[in-house]
PDB file of N, CA and C in Angstrom:
ATOM      1  N   MET A   1       3.514  -5.911 -11.585  1.00  0.00           N
ATOM      2  CA  MET A   1       4.056  -6.030 -12.927  1.00  0.00           C
ATOM      3  C   MET A   1       4.350  -4.639 -13.474  1.00  0.00           C
ATOM      4  N   LEU A   2       5.291  -4.586 -14.382  1.00  0.00           N
ATOM      5  CA  LEU A   2       5.628  -3.303 -14.984  1.00  0.00           C
ATOM      6  C   LEU A   2       5.010  -3.214 -16.377  1.00  0.00           C
ATOM      7  N   GLU A   3       3.709  -3.055 -16.381  1.00  0.00           N
ATOM      8  CA  GLU A   3       2.996  -2.857 -17.636  1.00  0.00           C
ATOM      9  C   GLU A   3       1.918  -1.822 -17.397  1.00  0.00           C
ATOM     10  N   GLY A   4       1.392  -1.269 -18.456  1.00  0.00           N
ATOM     11  CA  GLY A   4       0.375  -0.227 -18.296  1.00  0.00           C
ATOM     12  C   GLY A   4       0.961   0.976 -17.560  1.00  0.00           C
ATOM     13  N   PRO A   5       0.167   1.629 -16.708  1.00  0.00           N
ATOM     14  CA  PRO A   5       0.628   2.812 -15.992  1.00  0.00           C
ATOM     15  C   PRO A   5       1.842   2.554 -15.094  1.00  0.00           C
ATOM     16  N   SER A   6       1.992   1.316 -14.594  1.00  0.00           N
ATOM     17  CA  SER A   6       3.115   1.034 -13.699  1.00  0.00           C
ATOM     18  C   SER A   6       4.462   1.092 -14.416  1.00  0.00           C
ATOM     19  N   ARG A   7       4.481   1.099 -15.750  1.00  0.00           N
ATOM     20  CA  ARG A   7       5.742   1.233 -16.496  1.00  0.00           C
ATOM     21  C   ARG A   7       6.421   2.562 -16.193  1.00  0.00           C
ATOM     22  N   HIS A   8       5.680   3.535 -15.708  1.00  0.00           N
ATOM     23  CA  HIS A   8       6.243   4.856 -15.443  1.00  0.00           C
ATOM     24  C   HIS A   8       6.748   5.008 -14.010  1.00  0.00           C
ATOM     25  N   TRP A   9       6.578   4.002 -13.175  1.00  0.00           N
ATOM     26  CA  TRP A   9       7.059   4.074 -11.803  1.00  0.00           C
ATOM     27  C   TRP A   9       8.575   4.011 -11.783  1.00  0.00           C
ATOM     28  N   PHE A  10       9.164   4.748 -10.872  1.00  0.00           N
ATOM     29  CA  PHE A  10      10.614   4.697 -10.697  1.00  0.00           C
ATOM     30  C   PHE A  10      10.973   3.405  -9.982  1.00  0.00           C
ATOM     31  N   HIS A  11      11.892   2.630 -10.534  1.00  0.00           N
ATOM     32  CA  HIS A  11      12.290   1.367  -9.928  1.00  0.00           C
ATOM     33  C   HIS A  11      13.794   1.148 -10.090  1.00  0.00           C
ATOM     34  N   GLY A  12      14.563   2.176  -9.783  1.00  0.00           N
ATOM     35  CA  GLY A  12      16.008   2.070  -9.937  1.00  0.00           C
ATOM     36  C   GLY A  12      16.751   2.644  -8.756  1.00  0.00           C
ATOM     37  N   VAL A  13      18.063   2.624  -8.865  1.00  0.00           N
ATOM     38  CA  VAL A  13      18.946   3.168  -7.844  1.00  0.00           C
ATOM     39  C   VAL A  13      19.447   4.507  -8.361  1.00  0.00           C
ATOM     40  N   ASP A  14      19.272   5.558  -7.572  1.00  0.00           N
ATOM     41  CA  ASP A  14      19.665   6.896  -8.004  1.00  0.00           C
ATOM     42  C   ASP A  14      21.173   7.008  -8.193  1.00  0.00           C
ATOM     43  N   ARG A  15      21.944   6.601  -7.184  1.00  0.00           N
ATOM     44  CA  ARG A  15      23.407   6.699  -7.293  1.00  0.00           C
ATOM     45  C   ARG A  15      24.052   5.849  -6.199  1.00  0.00           C
ATOM     46  N   ILE A  16      25.310   5.522  -6.425  1.00  0.00           N
ATOM     47  CA  ILE A  16      26.112   4.821  -5.441  1.00  0.00           C
ATOM     48  C   ILE A  16      27.139   5.822  -4.923  1.00  0.00           C
ATOM     49  N   LEU A  17      27.166   6.037  -3.627  1.00  0.00           N
ATOM     50  CA  LEU A  17      28.113   6.997  -3.057  1.00  0.00           C
ATOM     51  C   LEU A  17      29.475   6.338  -2.874  1.00  0.00           C
ATOM     52  N   PRO A  18      30.547   6.967  -3.363  1.00  0.00           N
ATOM     53  CA  PRO A  18      31.889   6.395  -3.228  1.00  0.00           C
ATOM     54  C   PRO A  18      32.233   6.115  -1.761  1.00  0.00           C
ATOM     55  N   GLY A  19      32.865   4.976  -1.526  1.00  0.00           N
ATOM     56  CA  GLY A  19      33.326   4.641  -0.185  1.00  0.00           C
ATOM     57  C   GLY A  19      32.246   4.121   0.754  1.00  0.00           C
ATOM     58  N   THR A  20      31.032   3.849   0.253  1.00  0.00           N
ATOM     59  CA  THR A  20      29.963   3.401   1.145  1.00  0.00           C
ATOM     60  C   THR A  20      29.824   1.890   1.188  1.00  0.00           C
ATOM     61  N   SER A  21      30.659   1.172   0.417  1.00  0.00           N
ATOM     62  CA  SER A  21      30.595  -0.286   0.431  1.00  0.00           C
ATOM     63  C   SER A  21      31.964  -0.857   0.104  1.00  0.00           C
ATOM     64  N   THR A  22      32.268  -2.007   0.698  1.00  0.00           N
ATOM     65  CA  THR A  22      33.511  -2.718   0.378  1.00  0.00           C
ATOM     66  C   THR A  22      33.224  -3.968  -0.447  1.00  0.00           C
ATOM     67  N   LEU A  23      31.998  -4.121  -0.920  1.00  0.00           N
ATOM     68  CA  LEU A  23      31.603  -5.300  -1.679  1.00  0.00           C
ATOM     69  C   LEU A  23      32.421  -5.443  -2.965  1.00  0.00           C
ATOM     70  N   LEU A  24      32.592  -4.356  -3.689  1.00  0.00           N
ATOM     71  CA  LEU A  24      33.411  -4.338  -4.900  1.00  0.00           C
ATOM     72  C   LEU A  24      34.594  -3.406  -4.647  1.00  0.00           C
ATOM     73  N   PRO A  25      35.794  -3.947  -4.449  1.00  0.00           N
ATOM     74  CA  PRO A  25      36.947  -3.115  -4.073  1.00  0.00           C
ATOM     75  C   PRO A  25      37.217  -1.942  -5.013  1.00  0.00           C
ATOM     76  N   GLU A  26      36.947  -2.107  -6.312  1.00  0.00           N
ATOM     77  CA  GLU A  26      37.206  -1.025  -7.261  1.00  0.00           C
ATOM     78  C   GLU A  26      35.945  -0.222  -7.583  1.00  0.00           C
ATOM     79  N   GLY A  27      34.899  -0.409  -6.816  1.00  0.00           N
ATOM     80  CA  GLY A  27      33.658   0.320  -7.041  1.00  0.00           C
ATOM     81  C   GLY A  27      32.803  -0.328  -8.118  1.00  0.00           C
ATOM     82  N   GLY A  28      31.622   0.209  -8.318  1.00  0.00           N
ATOM     83  CA  GLY A  28      30.702  -0.306  -9.318  1.00  0.00           C
ATOM     84  C   GLY A  28      29.385  -0.703  -8.696  1.00  0.00           C
ATOM     85  N   ARG A  29      28.584  -1.418  -9.464  1.00  0.00           N
ATOM     86  CA  ARG A  29      27.283  -1.850  -8.972  1.00  0.00           C
ATOM     87  C   ARG A  29      26.915  -3.188  -9.612  1.00  0.00           C
ATOM     88  N   PHE A  30      26.035  -3.898  -8.930  1.00  0.00           N
ATOM     89  CA  PHE A  30      25.439  -5.111  -9.460  1.00  0.00           C
ATOM     90  C   PHE A  30      24.065  -4.751  -9.990  1.00  0.00           C
ATOM     91  N   ASN A  31      23.723  -5.242 -11.165  1.00  0.00           N
ATOM     92  CA  ASN A  31      22.369  -5.094 -11.690  1.00  0.00           C
ATOM     93  C   ASN A  31      21.716  -6.469 -11.620  1.00  0.00           C
ATOM     94  N   LEU A  32      20.549  -6.540 -11.002  1.00  0.00           N
ATOM     95  CA  LEU A  32      19.864  -7.803 -10.808  1.00  0.00           C
ATOM     96  C   LEU A  32      18.425  -7.657 -11.278  1.00  0.00           C
ATOM     97  N   THR A  33      18.002  -8.541 -12.164  1.00  0.00           N
ATOM     98  CA  THR A  33      16.625  -8.535 -12.649  1.00  0.00           C
ATOM     99  C   THR A  33      15.968  -9.851 -12.258  1.00  0.00           C
ATOM    100  N   LEU A  34      14.822  -9.752 -11.611  1.00  0.00           N
ATOM    101  CA  LEU A  34      14.059 -10.935 -11.237  1.00  0.00           C
ATOM    102  C   LEU A  34      12.766 -10.955 -12.038  1.00  0.00           C
ATOM    103  N   ARG A  35      12.435 -12.099 -12.581  1.00  0.00           N
ATOM    104  CA  ARG A  35      11.196 -12.224 -13.341  1.00  0.00           C
ATOM    105  C   ARG A  35      10.444 -13.456 -12.860  1.00  0.00           C
ATOM    106  N   ARG A  36       9.149 -13.355 -12.820  1.00  0.00           N
ATOM    107  CA  ARG A  36       8.300 -14.489 -12.470  1.00  0.00           C
ATOM    108  C   ARG A  36       7.697 -15.040 -13.767  1.00  0.00           C
ATOM    109  N   VAL A  37       7.870 -16.314 -13.988  1.00  0.00           N
ATOM    110  CA  VAL A  37       7.338 -16.972 -15.177  1.00  0.00           C
ATOM    111  C   VAL A  37       6.084 -17.715 -14.785  1.00  0.00           C
ATOM    112  N   THR A  38       5.017 -17.465 -15.497  1.00  0.00           N
ATOM    113  CA  THR A  38       3.748 -18.141 -15.213  1.00  0.00           C
ATOM    114  C   THR A  38       3.278 -18.879 -16.460  1.00  0.00           C
ATOM    115  N   ALA A  39       2.537 -19.929 -16.247  1.00  0.00           N
ATOM    116  CA  ALA A  39       1.987 -20.697 -17.369  1.00  0.00           C
ATOM    117  C   ALA A  39       0.907 -19.892 -18.059  1.00  0.00           C
ATOM    118  N   LEU A  40       0.786 -20.070 -19.352  1.00  0.00           N
ATOM    119  CA  LEU A  40      -0.244 -19.344 -20.103  1.00  0.00           C
ATOM    120  C   LEU A  40      -1.574 -20.025 -20.025  1.00  0.00           C
TER     121      LEU A  40
END
């Protein structure tokens, strides 16, 4: 989980290098967030 001290951990993508993927013809990135929902 990202709470407490773990909130300071790096959890991202530094950079996308041009020409390293053909997934998006005009370049760019996908941002995806996954969350786990638990009962209280």
